[in-house]
Amino acid sequence: MQSTAASPAGRRLGRGALASVCWLGLLTAFATVRAQEAAGGVQFADVTVEAGIDFTYVNGASGQKFMPEAVGSGAAFVDADGDGFLDLYVVNGAALPGYDGPTAPNAMFHNSGDGIFEDVTTQSGAGDEGFGMGAAVGDYDSDGDADLYVANYGANVLFRNEDGRGNFADVTVAAGVGDPGWGTNAAFVDYDRDGDIDLYVANYMSFSVDDNKECFGGKVRSYCGPTTYPGQSGVLYRNDGDAGFADVSEAAGLYNDTGRQLAAVFGDIDDDGDQDLFVANDKTANFLFVNNDDGTFTETGIIAGVAYNEEGLAESA
C-alpha cells in the first residue's frame, strides 16, 4: 500500500484518471505488453475501461484533514471461484465516524477469462463497508480455496470462502482476528512451519477523530505528518488449526509500537528455510524481524542496513 495525497471524496478510475501507485500496478496487469527494442523494456496500456472495471474510490474527505483521508487503499488478485482466472478485489474507503458520506463497499470483480470483468460484489458477500486500507489472500482453513482478510481503519474483517465458488461469509468474530487498530496491510504466512497459515496485520498509528490535531503548511491547514500521533504495533495471529487464531505478538517478539507500519512482507532473508518479516514504516525506522525458528523473531533492521536510507534518515518506505 502506498501513501497518497488527499483526494476529493469521490474519485472515478478510468482512462486518464489519476491513480495511486498501487492502482497503477494492479490496473495495468492485464495490459498489452510488447518489447521496446531500443529501450529493452516493456510497455503497458491502460485497459481499465475496456476490462469493465468501474470503481469509485471514496476517502471520506470532510474538510477536517483527518489522517485516514490521506492514505490510499489497496487491492488483491484472487481466484475466488476456482476457475483458474484471477479475479480482482478492490478495497474502498468510507465516511469517518460522525460524518456523513456515500456508502462505499469494497468491490469484487469476476474475471470472465477473456480480459473482461464483471462486478459481483453483492453476490460474493465480500462488500465490506469499513474504511478499507488493504487486503490479503490465503487459504487459512486449508480447504483448498482462497479466503480474504481486509485491513481497515477500525475493525478488520476475515471473509471465509464458503464453497470455493466465490461466496464469502464474515467469520471475523469466530476466528478472533478483528483487530480494532488502524490496519494498513496484512500477510498470510506459515511462520512456525506447522502446516497452518498464520496471519500478520500491519498497523499504522493511534488516530481518532476526537483527537484530530491541527497542522499547517505555512498559513494553510494541512494533513499532519505520521509522527504527530503515536505508533501502533502490528499483530501476529497464530493459526490454531481449527479455524481460529491467537494473538502471539508479544510472545513472538513482534510487539513494537515505535513504527508507523504501511506494509509487511515475508521472505526467507537468511536462507535458513523459515519466513522472516520486513515491515515498511512511515517516517520511522523500518523493521526486519529474523525468524529464530522457535516461534520467536529478533529485530535486526539497523544491523541489516534496512532501517534507514543511505543518509541515515527514516523515510516513507
C-alpha atoms as a PDB file:
ATOM      1  CA  MET A   1       0.000   0.000   0.000  1.00  0.00           C
ATOM      2  CA  GLN A   2       1.305   3.441  -0.830  1.00  0.00           C
ATOM      3  CA  SER A   3       0.548   6.683   0.946  1.00  0.00           C
ATOM      4  CA  THR A   4      -1.163   9.103  -1.401  1.00  0.00           C
ATOM      5  CA  ALA A   5      -2.066  12.740  -1.318  1.00  0.00           C
ATOM      6  CA  ALA A   6      -5.560  13.591  -0.160  1.00  0.00           C
ATOM      7  CA  SER A   7      -8.175  13.344  -2.847  1.00  0.00           C
ATOM      8  CA  PRO A   8     -11.745  14.509  -3.397  1.00  0.00           C
ATOM      9  CA  ALA A   9     -14.420  12.446  -1.673  1.00  0.00           C
ATOM     10  CA  GLY A  10     -15.175  10.593  -4.901  1.00  0.00           C
ATOM     11  CA  ARG A  11     -12.582   9.582  -7.470  1.00  0.00           C
ATOM     12  CA  ARG A  12     -13.558   7.653 -10.601  1.00  0.00           C
ATOM     13  CA  LEU A  13     -10.933   5.388 -12.029  1.00  0.00           C
ATOM     14  CA  GLY A  14     -10.949   5.333 -15.788  1.00  0.00           C
ATOM     15  CA  ARG A  15      -8.875   6.196 -18.819  1.00  0.00           C
ATOM     16  CA  GLY A  16      -6.525   9.024 -17.988  1.00  0.00           C
ATOM     17  CA  ALA A  17      -7.597   9.118 -14.340  1.00  0.00           C
ATOM     18  CA  LEU A  18      -5.119   9.937 -11.636  1.00  0.00           C
ATOM     19  CA  ALA A  19      -4.448   6.825  -9.574  1.00  0.00           C
ATOM     20  CA  SER A  20      -2.164   5.791  -6.770  1.00  0.00           C
ATOM     21  CA  VAL A  21       0.960   3.747  -7.307  1.00  0.00           C
ATOM     22  CA  CYS A  22      -0.895   0.701  -6.012  1.00  0.00           C
ATOM     23  CA  TRP A  23      -3.634   1.176  -8.598  1.00  0.00           C
ATOM     24  CA  LEU A  24      -1.091   1.683 -11.374  1.00  0.00           C
ATOM     25  CA  GLY A  25       0.388  -1.717 -10.672  1.00  0.00           C
ATOM     26  CA  LEU A  26      -2.940  -3.515 -10.417  1.00  0.00           C
ATOM     27  CA  LEU A  27      -4.991  -1.968 -13.193  1.00  0.00           C
ATOM     28  CA  THR A  28      -2.312  -2.343 -15.858  1.00  0.00           C
ATOM     29  CA  ALA A  29      -1.695  -6.007 -15.136  1.00  0.00           C
ATOM     30  CA  PHE A  30      -3.998  -7.018 -17.986  1.00  0.00           C
ATOM     31  CA  ALA A  31      -2.363  -4.590 -20.410  1.00  0.00           C
ATOM     32  CA  THR A  32      -0.931  -5.345 -23.841  1.00  0.00           C
ATOM     33  CA  VAL A  33       2.784  -5.855 -23.315  1.00  0.00           C
ATOM     34  CA  ARG A  34       5.360  -5.562 -26.074  1.00  0.00           C
ATOM     35  CA  ALA A  35       9.137  -5.306 -26.094  1.00  0.00           C
ATOM     36  CA  GLN A  36      10.730  -1.971 -26.803  1.00  0.00           C
ATOM     37  CA  GLU A  37      13.745  -2.854 -28.905  1.00  0.00           C
ATOM     38  CA  ALA A  38      15.501   0.440 -28.358  1.00  0.00           C
ATOM     39  CA  ALA A  39      14.985   0.622 -24.603  1.00  0.00           C
ATOM     40  CA  GLY A  40      14.924  -3.112 -23.962  1.00  0.00           C
ATOM     41  CA  GLY A  41      11.925  -2.747 -21.656  1.00  0.00           C
ATOM     42  CA  VAL A  42       8.182  -3.334 -21.654  1.00  0.00           C
ATOM     43  CA  GLN A  43       5.255  -1.044 -22.262  1.00  0.00           C
ATOM     44  CA  PHE A  44       1.816  -1.024 -20.636  1.00  0.00           C
ATOM     45  CA  ALA A  45      -1.543   0.263 -21.813  1.00  0.00           C
ATOM     46  CA  ASP A  46      -4.384   1.343 -19.522  1.00  0.00           C
ATOM     47  CA  VAL A  47      -7.289  -1.021 -20.249  1.00  0.00           C
ATOM     48  CA  THR A  48      -9.381  -0.257 -17.174  1.00  0.00           C
ATOM     49  CA  VAL A  49     -12.443   0.845 -19.120  1.00  0.00           C
ATOM     50  CA  GLU A  50     -12.235  -1.930 -21.706  1.00  0.00           C
ATOM     51  CA  ALA A  51     -11.886  -4.502 -18.920  1.00  0.00           C
ATOM     52  CA  GLY A  52     -15.133  -3.332 -17.330  1.00  0.00           C
ATOM     53  CA  ILE A  53     -13.605  -2.192 -14.054  1.00  0.00           C
ATOM     54  CA  ASP A  54     -15.885   0.638 -12.933  1.00  0.00           C
ATOM     55  CA  PHE A  55     -14.949   1.675  -9.417  1.00  0.00           C
ATOM     56  CA  THR A  56     -15.031   4.923  -7.457  1.00  0.00           C
ATOM     57  CA  TYR A  57     -12.707   5.303  -4.510  1.00  0.00           C
ATOM     58  CA  VAL A  58     -14.139   7.237  -1.554  1.00  0.00           C
ATOM     59  CA  ASN A  59     -11.722   8.651   1.000  1.00  0.00           C
ATOM     60  CA  GLY A  60     -14.305  10.203   3.323  1.00  0.00           C
ATOM     61  CA  ALA A  61     -12.950  13.733   2.866  1.00  0.00           C
ATOM     62  CA  SER A  62     -14.717  16.018   5.334  1.00  0.00           C
ATOM     63  CA  GLY A  63     -12.590  19.155   5.287  1.00  0.00           C
ATOM     64  CA  GLN A  64     -11.264  18.311   8.743  1.00  0.00           C
ATOM     65  CA  LYS A  65      -7.942  16.902   7.488  1.00  0.00           C
ATOM     66  CA  PHE A  66      -8.439  13.546   9.183  1.00  0.00           C
ATOM     67  CA  MET A  67      -5.396  11.338   8.659  1.00  0.00           C
ATOM     68  CA  PRO A  68      -7.171   8.310   7.097  1.00  0.00           C
ATOM     69  CA  GLU A  69      -8.377  10.552   4.248  1.00  0.00           C
ATOM     70  CA  ALA A  70      -4.796  10.980   3.043  1.00  0.00           C
ATOM     71  CA  VAL A  71      -3.863   7.296   2.853  1.00  0.00           C
ATOM     72  CA  GLY A  72      -4.876   5.329  -0.223  1.00  0.00           C
ATOM     73  CA  SER A  73      -6.371   1.855  -0.354  1.00  0.00           C
ATOM     74  CA  GLY A  74      -5.226  -1.443  -1.821  1.00  0.00           C
ATOM     75  CA  ALA A  75      -6.412  -4.335  -3.953  1.00  0.00           C
ATOM     76  CA  ALA A  76      -5.695  -8.009  -4.471  1.00  0.00           C
ATOM     77  CA  PHE A  77      -5.925 -10.554  -7.236  1.00  0.00           C
ATOM     78  CA  VAL A  78      -7.679 -13.729  -6.083  1.00  0.00           C
ATOM     79  CA  ASP A  79      -9.152 -16.744  -7.871  1.00  0.00           C
ATOM     80  CA  ALA A  80     -12.304 -16.514  -5.794  1.00  0.00           C
ATOM     81  CA  ASP A  81     -14.316 -19.129  -7.685  1.00  0.00           C
ATOM     82  CA  GLY A  82     -11.535 -21.569  -8.527  1.00  0.00           C
ATOM     83  CA  ASP A  83     -11.961 -21.334 -12.303  1.00  0.00           C
ATOM     84  CA  GLY A  84      -8.275 -20.689 -12.933  1.00  0.00           C
ATOM     85  CA  PHE A  85      -8.653 -16.973 -13.689  1.00  0.00           C
ATOM     86  CA  LEU A  86      -7.614 -14.254 -11.265  1.00  0.00           C
ATOM     87  CA  ASP A  87     -10.477 -12.088 -10.077  1.00  0.00           C
ATOM     88  CA  LEU A  88      -9.948  -8.607  -8.634  1.00  0.00           C
ATOM     89  CA  TYR A  89     -10.871  -7.483  -5.126  1.00  0.00           C
ATOM     90  CA  VAL A  90     -10.693  -3.725  -4.565  1.00  0.00           C
ATOM     91  CA  VAL A  91     -10.704  -2.068  -1.151  1.00  0.00           C
ATOM     92  CA  ASN A  92     -12.636   1.162  -0.604  1.00  0.00           C
ATOM     93  CA  GLY A  93     -12.708   3.919   1.995  1.00  0.00           C
ATOM     94  CA  ALA A  94     -15.725   5.288   3.847  1.00  0.00           C
ATOM     95  CA  ALA A  95     -17.081   8.235   5.764  1.00  0.00           C
ATOM     96  CA  LEU A  96     -15.467   8.549   9.179  1.00  0.00           C
ATOM     97  CA  PRO A  97     -17.495   8.154  12.399  1.00  0.00           C
ATOM     98  CA  GLY A  98     -19.830  11.098  12.951  1.00  0.00           C
ATOM     99  CA  TYR A  99     -19.596  12.354   9.371  1.00  0.00           C
ATOM    100  CA  ASP A 100     -21.995  11.752   6.520  1.00  0.00           C
ATOM    101  CA  GLY A 101     -20.798  10.324   3.257  1.00  0.00           C
ATOM    102  CA  PRO A 102     -21.652   7.896   0.475  1.00  0.00           C
ATOM    103  CA  THR A 103     -21.809   4.167   1.063  1.00  0.00           C
ATOM    104  CA  ALA A 104     -18.640   2.758  -0.430  1.00  0.00           C
ATOM    105  CA  PRO A 105     -18.321  -1.026  -0.178  1.00  0.00           C
ATOM    106  CA  ASN A 106     -15.280  -2.948  -1.304  1.00  0.00           C
ATOM    107  CA  ALA A 107     -15.762  -4.472  -4.745  1.00  0.00           C
ATOM    108  CA  MET A 108     -15.277  -7.934  -6.236  1.00  0.00           C
ATOM    109  CA  PHE A 109     -14.791  -8.176  -9.994  1.00  0.00           C
ATOM    110  CA  HIS A 110     -15.110 -11.619 -11.598  1.00  0.00           C
ATOM    111  CA  ASN A 111     -12.686 -12.425 -14.400  1.00  0.00           C
ATOM    112  CA  SER A 112     -14.551 -13.989 -17.326  1.00  0.00           C
ATOM    113  CA  GLY A 113     -11.322 -15.327 -18.798  1.00  0.00           C
ATOM    114  CA  ASP A 114     -11.230 -13.040 -21.813  1.00  0.00           C
ATOM    115  CA  GLY A 115      -9.918  -9.905 -20.113  1.00  0.00           C
ATOM    116  CA  ILE A 116     -13.380  -8.681 -19.148  1.00  0.00           C
ATOM    117  CA  PHE A 117     -14.510  -8.299 -15.529  1.00  0.00           C
ATOM    118  CA  GLU A 118     -17.995  -8.303 -14.025  1.00  0.00           C
ATOM    119  CA  ASP A 119     -18.919  -6.634 -10.738  1.00  0.00           C
ATOM    120  CA  VAL A 120     -20.150  -9.453  -8.472  1.00  0.00           C
ATOM    121  CA  THR A 121     -19.796  -7.631  -5.159  1.00  0.00           C
ATOM    122  CA  THR A 122     -23.343  -8.268  -3.963  1.00  0.00           C
ATOM    123  CA  GLN A 123     -23.321 -11.943  -4.894  1.00  0.00           C
ATOM    124  CA  SER A 124     -19.899 -12.518  -3.338  1.00  0.00           C
ATOM    125  CA  GLY A 125     -20.837 -11.258   0.124  1.00  0.00           C
ATOM    126  CA  ALA A 126     -17.424  -9.602   0.422  1.00  0.00           C
ATOM    127  CA  GLY A 127     -18.561  -5.981   0.072  1.00  0.00           C
ATOM    128  CA  ASP A 128     -17.287  -4.780   3.433  1.00  0.00           C
ATOM    129  CA  GLU A 129     -18.184  -1.133   4.135  1.00  0.00           C
ATOM    130  CA  GLY A 130     -15.442  -0.317   6.636  1.00  0.00           C
ATOM    131  CA  PHE A 131     -12.696   2.227   5.947  1.00  0.00           C
ATOM    132  CA  GLY A 132     -10.518  -0.161   3.981  1.00  0.00           C
ATOM    133  CA  MET A 133      -6.761   0.056   3.537  1.00  0.00           C
ATOM    134  CA  GLY A 134      -5.536  -3.287   2.232  1.00  0.00           C
ATOM    135  CA  ALA A 135      -6.328  -6.943   1.618  1.00  0.00           C
ATOM    136  CA  ALA A 136      -4.569 -10.293   1.857  1.00  0.00           C
ATOM    137  CA  VAL A 137      -5.401 -13.631   0.248  1.00  0.00           C
ATOM    138  CA  GLY A 138      -4.745 -17.042   1.780  1.00  0.00           C
ATOM    139  CA  ASP A 139      -6.303 -20.427   2.495  1.00  0.00           C
ATOM    140  CA  TYR A 140      -6.418 -20.071   6.276  1.00  0.00           C
ATOM    141  CA  ASP A 141      -8.732 -23.067   6.825  1.00  0.00           C
ATOM    142  CA  SER A 142      -6.840 -25.391   4.461  1.00  0.00           C
ATOM    143  CA  ASP A 143      -9.927 -26.349   2.453  1.00  0.00           C
ATOM    144  CA  GLY A 144      -8.366 -25.632  -0.921  1.00  0.00           C
ATOM    145  CA  ASP A 145      -9.901 -22.248  -1.746  1.00  0.00           C
ATOM    146  CA  ALA A 146      -8.869 -18.634  -1.278  1.00  0.00           C
ATOM    147  CA  ASP A 147     -10.085 -16.639   1.720  1.00  0.00           C
ATOM    148  CA  LEU A 148      -9.820 -12.854   2.194  1.00  0.00           C
ATOM    149  CA  TYR A 149      -8.621 -10.653   5.030  1.00  0.00           C
ATOM    150  CA  VAL A 150      -9.365  -6.918   4.908  1.00  0.00           C
ATOM    151  CA  ALA A 151      -7.275  -4.404   6.868  1.00  0.00           C
ATOM    152  CA  ASN A 152      -9.344  -1.394   7.942  1.00  0.00           C
ATOM    153  CA  TYR A 153      -9.074   1.820   9.862  1.00  0.00           C
ATOM    154  CA  GLY A 154     -11.133   0.237  12.608  1.00  0.00           C
ATOM    155  CA  ALA A 155     -12.088  -3.408  12.971  1.00  0.00           C
ATOM    156  CA  ASN A 156     -10.602  -5.707  10.339  1.00  0.00           C
ATOM    157  CA  VAL A 157     -12.612  -8.424   8.596  1.00  0.00           C
ATOM    158  CA  LEU A 158     -11.924 -12.060   7.690  1.00  0.00           C
ATOM    159  CA  PHE A 159     -14.032 -13.459   4.848  1.00  0.00           C
ATOM    160  CA  ARG A 160     -14.172 -17.245   4.533  1.00  0.00           C
ATOM    161  CA  ASN A 161     -14.729 -18.654   1.054  1.00  0.00           C
ATOM    162  CA  GLU A 162     -17.694 -20.876   1.830  1.00  0.00           C
ATOM    163  CA  ASP A 163     -17.883 -23.128  -1.215  1.00  0.00           C
ATOM    164  CA  GLY A 164     -14.849 -22.379  -3.363  1.00  0.00           C
ATOM    165  CA  ARG A 165     -17.110 -20.581  -5.826  1.00  0.00           C
ATOM    166  CA  GLY A 166     -16.614 -17.049  -4.553  1.00  0.00           C
ATOM    167  CA  ASN A 167     -19.347 -16.905  -1.923  1.00  0.00           C
ATOM    168  CA  PHE A 168     -17.881 -15.370   1.221  1.00  0.00           C
ATOM    169  CA  ALA A 169     -19.008 -15.159   4.850  1.00  0.00           C
ATOM    170  CA  ASP A 170     -17.727 -12.839   7.582  1.00  0.00           C
ATOM    171  CA  VAL A 171     -16.124 -15.106  10.217  1.00  0.00           C
ATOM    172  CA  THR A 172     -14.065 -12.438  11.975  1.00  0.00           C
ATOM    173  CA  VAL A 173     -15.505 -12.899  15.451  1.00  0.00           C
ATOM    174  CA  ALA A 174     -15.380 -16.687  15.374  1.00  0.00           C
ATOM    175  CA  ALA A 175     -11.778 -16.647  14.139  1.00  0.00           C
ATOM    176  CA  GLY A 176     -10.673 -13.996  16.650  1.00  0.00           C
ATOM    177  CA  VAL A 177      -8.903 -11.696  14.180  1.00  0.00           C
ATOM    178  CA  GLY A 178     -10.905  -8.460  14.384  1.00  0.00           C
ATOM    179  CA  ASP A 179      -8.033  -6.224  15.451  1.00  0.00           C
ATOM    180  CA  PRO A 180      -9.543  -2.751  16.082  1.00  0.00           C
ATOM    181  CA  GLY A 181      -6.428  -0.705  15.284  1.00  0.00           C
ATOM    182  CA  TRP A 182      -5.564   1.138  12.084  1.00  0.00           C
ATOM    183  CA  GLY A 183      -4.705  -1.766   9.820  1.00  0.00           C
ATOM    184  CA  THR A 184      -2.910  -0.838   6.614  1.00  0.00           C
ATOM    185  CA  ASN A 185      -1.765  -4.173   5.264  1.00  0.00           C
ATOM    186  CA  ALA A 186      -1.792  -7.883   6.072  1.00  0.00           C
ATOM    187  CA  ALA A 187       0.018 -11.051   5.040  1.00  0.00           C
ATOM    188  CA  PHE A 188      -0.734 -14.753   5.377  1.00  0.00           C
ATOM    189  CA  VAL A 189       2.286 -16.949   6.167  1.00  0.00           C
ATOM    190  CA  ASP A 190       3.152 -20.204   7.925  1.00  0.00           C
ATOM    191  CA  TYR A 191       5.756 -18.608  10.187  1.00  0.00           C
ATOM    192  CA  ASP A 192       6.048 -21.608  12.551  1.00  0.00           C
ATOM    193  CA  ARG A 193       6.038 -24.268   9.810  1.00  0.00           C
ATOM    194  CA  ASP A 194       3.237 -26.304  11.367  1.00  0.00           C
ATOM    195  CA  GLY A 195       1.270 -26.529   8.125  1.00  0.00           C
ATOM    196  CA  ASP A 196      -1.354 -23.917   9.042  1.00  0.00           C
ATOM    197  CA  ILE A 197      -1.419 -20.430   7.531  1.00  0.00           C
ATOM    198  CA  ASP A 198      -0.885 -17.709  10.134  1.00  0.00           C
ATOM    199  CA  LEU A 199      -1.643 -14.002   9.754  1.00  0.00           C
ATOM    200  CA  TYR A 200       0.279 -10.770  10.318  1.00  0.00           C
ATOM    201  CA  VAL A 201      -1.502  -7.394  10.375  1.00  0.00           C
ATOM    202  CA  ALA A 202       0.462  -4.158   9.913  1.00  0.00           C
ATOM    203  CA  ASN A 203      -0.891  -1.236  11.958  1.00  0.00           C
ATOM    204  CA  TYR A 204      -0.221   2.447  11.332  1.00  0.00           C
ATOM    205  CA  MET A 205      -0.905   4.851  14.203  1.00  0.00           C
ATOM    206  CA  SER A 206      -3.285   5.667  17.045  1.00  0.00           C
ATOM    207  CA  PHE A 207      -5.628   8.226  15.495  1.00  0.00           C
ATOM    208  CA  SER A 208      -9.139   9.240  16.494  1.00  0.00           C
ATOM    209  CA  VAL A 209     -11.489  11.823  15.010  1.00  0.00           C
ATOM    210  CA  ASP A 210     -11.971  13.013  18.596  1.00  0.00           C
ATOM    211  CA  ASP A 211      -8.269  13.858  18.835  1.00  0.00           C
ATOM    212  CA  ASN A 212      -7.667  15.425  15.440  1.00  0.00           C
ATOM    213  CA  LYS A 213      -4.666  17.734  15.704  1.00  0.00           C
ATOM    214  CA  GLU A 214      -4.269  20.866  13.575  1.00  0.00           C
ATOM    215  CA  CYS A 215      -1.161  21.137  11.415  1.00  0.00           C
ATOM    216  CA  PHE A 216      -0.188  23.853   8.968  1.00  0.00           C
ATOM    217  CA  GLY A 217       1.993  24.308   5.915  1.00  0.00           C
ATOM    218  CA  GLY A 218       2.753  27.980   6.348  1.00  0.00           C
ATOM    219  CA  LYS A 219      -0.639  29.568   6.991  1.00  0.00           C
ATOM    220  CA  VAL A 220      -2.595  26.829   5.243  1.00  0.00           C
ATOM    221  CA  ARG A 221      -4.012  23.946   7.229  1.00  0.00           C
ATOM    222  CA  SER A 222      -2.710  20.605   6.001  1.00  0.00           C
ATOM    223  CA  TYR A 223      -2.657  16.953   6.942  1.00  0.00           C
ATOM    224  CA  CYS A 224      -0.339  16.197   9.830  1.00  0.00           C
ATOM    225  CA  GLY A 225       2.763  14.069   9.422  1.00  0.00           C
ATOM    226  CA  PRO A 226       2.826  10.434  10.568  1.00  0.00           C
ATOM    227  CA  THR A 227       4.887  11.126  13.694  1.00  0.00           C
ATOM    228  CA  THR A 228       2.233  13.514  15.050  1.00  0.00           C
ATOM    229  CA  TYR A 229       0.391  10.533  16.520  1.00  0.00           C
ATOM    230  CA  PRO A 230       1.684   7.521  18.498  1.00  0.00           C
ATOM    231  CA  GLY A 231       2.535   4.436  16.511  1.00  0.00           C
ATOM    232  CA  GLN A 232       0.727   1.109  16.762  1.00  0.00           C
ATOM    233  CA  SER A 233       2.229  -2.345  16.896  1.00  0.00           C
ATOM    234  CA  GLY A 234       1.425  -4.909  14.281  1.00  0.00           C
ATOM    235  CA  VAL A 235      -0.325  -8.111  15.302  1.00  0.00           C
ATOM    236  CA  LEU A 236       0.757 -11.709  14.710  1.00  0.00           C
ATOM    237  CA  TYR A 237      -2.087 -14.223  14.804  1.00  0.00           C
ATOM    238  CA  ARG A 238      -1.121 -17.881  15.143  1.00  0.00           C
ATOM    239  CA  ASN A 239      -3.484 -20.323  13.452  1.00  0.00           C
ATOM    240  CA  ASP A 240      -4.657 -22.971  15.926  1.00  0.00           C
ATOM    241  CA  GLY A 241      -5.504 -25.423  13.142  1.00  0.00           C
ATOM    242  CA  ASP A 242      -9.199 -25.355  13.995  1.00  0.00           C
ATOM    243  CA  ALA A 243     -10.302 -22.204  12.100  1.00  0.00           C
ATOM    244  CA  GLY A 244      -9.279 -19.943  14.982  1.00  0.00           C
ATOM    245  CA  PHE A 245      -6.339 -17.678  15.771  1.00  0.00           C
ATOM    246  CA  ALA A 246      -4.493 -16.459  18.865  1.00  0.00           C
ATOM    247  CA  ASP A 247      -2.621 -13.153  19.221  1.00  0.00           C
ATOM    248  CA  VAL A 248       1.003 -14.149  19.884  1.00  0.00           C
ATOM    249  CA  SER A 249       2.628 -10.800  19.043  1.00  0.00           C
ATOM    250  CA  GLU A 250       4.390 -10.341  22.374  1.00  0.00           C
ATOM    251  CA  ALA A 251       5.385 -13.973  22.819  1.00  0.00           C
ATOM    252  CA  ALA A 252       6.856 -13.991  19.311  1.00  0.00           C
ATOM    253  CA  GLY A 253       8.858 -10.803  19.891  1.00  0.00           C
ATOM    254  CA  LEU A 254       6.947  -8.815  17.289  1.00  0.00           C
ATOM    255  CA  TYR A 255       5.232  -6.299  19.540  1.00  0.00           C
ATOM    256  CA  ASN A 256       6.728  -2.908  18.664  1.00  0.00           C
ATOM    257  CA  ASP A 257       4.698   0.308  18.710  1.00  0.00           C
ATOM    258  CA  THR A 258       7.525   2.661  17.706  1.00  0.00           C
ATOM    259  CA  GLY A 259       6.811   2.365  13.974  1.00  0.00           C
ATOM    260  CA  ARG A 260       4.021   3.537  11.694  1.00  0.00           C
ATOM    261  CA  GLN A 261       3.544   0.418   9.603  1.00  0.00           C
ATOM    262  CA  LEU A 262       2.479   0.752   5.977  1.00  0.00           C
ATOM    263  CA  ALA A 263       3.318  -2.690   4.633  1.00  0.00           C
ATOM    264  CA  ALA A 264       4.634  -6.089   5.660  1.00  0.00           C
ATOM    265  CA  VAL A 265       6.198  -8.829   3.567  1.00  0.00           C
ATOM    266  CA  PHE A 266       7.565 -12.248   4.473  1.00  0.00           C
ATOM    267  CA  GLY A 267      10.546 -13.937   2.871  1.00  0.00           C
ATOM    268  CA  ASP A 268      13.469 -16.167   3.765  1.00  0.00           C
ATOM    269  CA  ILE A 269      16.052 -13.401   4.104  1.00  0.00           C
ATOM    270  CA  ASP A 270      18.816 -15.562   5.578  1.00  0.00           C
ATOM    271  CA  ASP A 271      18.172 -18.746   3.572  1.00  0.00           C
ATOM    272  CA  ASP A 272      17.575 -20.914   6.621  1.00  0.00           C
ATOM    273  CA  GLY A 273      14.234 -22.299   5.492  1.00  0.00           C
ATOM    274  CA  ASP A 274      11.845 -20.189   7.556  1.00  0.00           C
ATOM    275  CA  GLN A 275       9.985 -16.952   6.889  1.00  0.00           C
ATOM    276  CA  ASP A 276      11.389 -13.631   8.108  1.00  0.00           C
ATOM    277  CA  LEU A 277       9.389 -10.394   8.216  1.00  0.00           C
ATOM    278  CA  PHE A 278      10.166  -6.960   6.776  1.00  0.00           C
ATOM    279  CA  VAL A 279       7.943  -4.070   7.870  1.00  0.00           C
ATOM    280  CA  ALA A 280       7.983  -0.790   5.933  1.00  0.00           C
ATOM    281  CA  ASN A 281       7.344   2.156   8.242  1.00  0.00           C
ATOM    282  CA  ASP A 282       6.333   5.738   7.518  1.00  0.00           C
ATOM    283  CA  LYS A 283       8.940   8.289   8.636  1.00  0.00           C
ATOM    284  CA  THR A 284      10.212   5.891  11.300  1.00  0.00           C
ATOM    285  CA  ALA A 285      12.853   3.171  11.137  1.00  0.00           C
ATOM    286  CA  ASN A 286      11.861   0.061   9.193  1.00  0.00           C
ATOM    287  CA  PHE A 287      11.854  -3.324  10.922  1.00  0.00           C
ATOM    288  CA  LEU A 288      13.485  -6.568   9.846  1.00  0.00           C
ATOM    289  CA  PHE A 289      12.384  -9.407  12.095  1.00  0.00           C
ATOM    290  CA  VAL A 290      14.512 -12.523  11.648  1.00  0.00           C
ATOM    291  CA  ASN A 291      12.699 -15.782  12.367  1.00  0.00           C
ATOM    292  CA  ASN A 292      14.540 -17.805  15.023  1.00  0.00           C
ATOM    293  CA  ASP A 293      12.671 -20.988  14.029  1.00  0.00           C
ATOM    294  CA  ASP A 294      11.387 -21.454  17.562  1.00  0.00           C
ATOM    295  CA  GLY A 295       8.260 -19.311  17.330  1.00  0.00           C
ATOM    296  CA  THR A 296      10.119 -16.069  18.026  1.00  0.00           C
ATOM    297  CA  PHE A 297      11.688 -13.270  15.985  1.00  0.00           C
ATOM    298  CA  THR A 298      14.631 -10.897  16.522  1.00  0.00           C
ATOM    299  CA  GLU A 299      14.537  -7.339  15.147  1.00  0.00           C
ATOM    300  CA  THR A 300      17.690  -6.627  13.076  1.00  0.00           C
ATOM    301  CA  GLY A 301      16.738  -3.664  10.902  1.00  0.00           C
ATOM    302  CA  ILE A 302      19.659  -1.411  11.827  1.00  0.00           C
ATOM    303  CA  ILE A 303      22.246  -4.196  11.718  1.00  0.00           C
ATOM    304  CA  ALA A 304      20.989  -5.331   8.315  1.00  0.00           C
ATOM    305  CA  GLY A 305      21.071  -1.778   6.949  1.00  0.00           C
ATOM    306  CA  VAL A 306      17.382  -1.543   6.071  1.00  0.00           C
ATOM    307  CA  ALA A 307      16.085   0.651   8.900  1.00  0.00           C
ATOM    308  CA  TYR A 308      17.137   3.984   7.347  1.00  0.00           C
ATOM    309  CA  ASN A 309      18.059   5.381   3.954  1.00  0.00           C
ATOM    310  CA  GLU A 310      21.606   5.978   2.746  1.00  0.00           C
ATOM    311  CA  GLU A 311      21.676   9.306   4.588  1.00  0.00           C
ATOM    312  CA  GLY A 312      20.746   7.706   7.878  1.00  0.00           C
ATOM    313  CA  LEU A 313      17.225   9.127   7.841  1.00  0.00           C
ATOM    314  CA  ALA A 314      13.875   7.441   8.263  1.00  0.00           C
ATOM    315  CA  GLU A 315      11.609   7.904   5.265  1.00  0.00           C
ATOM    316  CA  SER A 316       8.298   6.701   3.911  1.00  0.00           C
ATOM    317  CA  ALA A 317       9.288   3.196   2.867  1.00  0.00           C
END
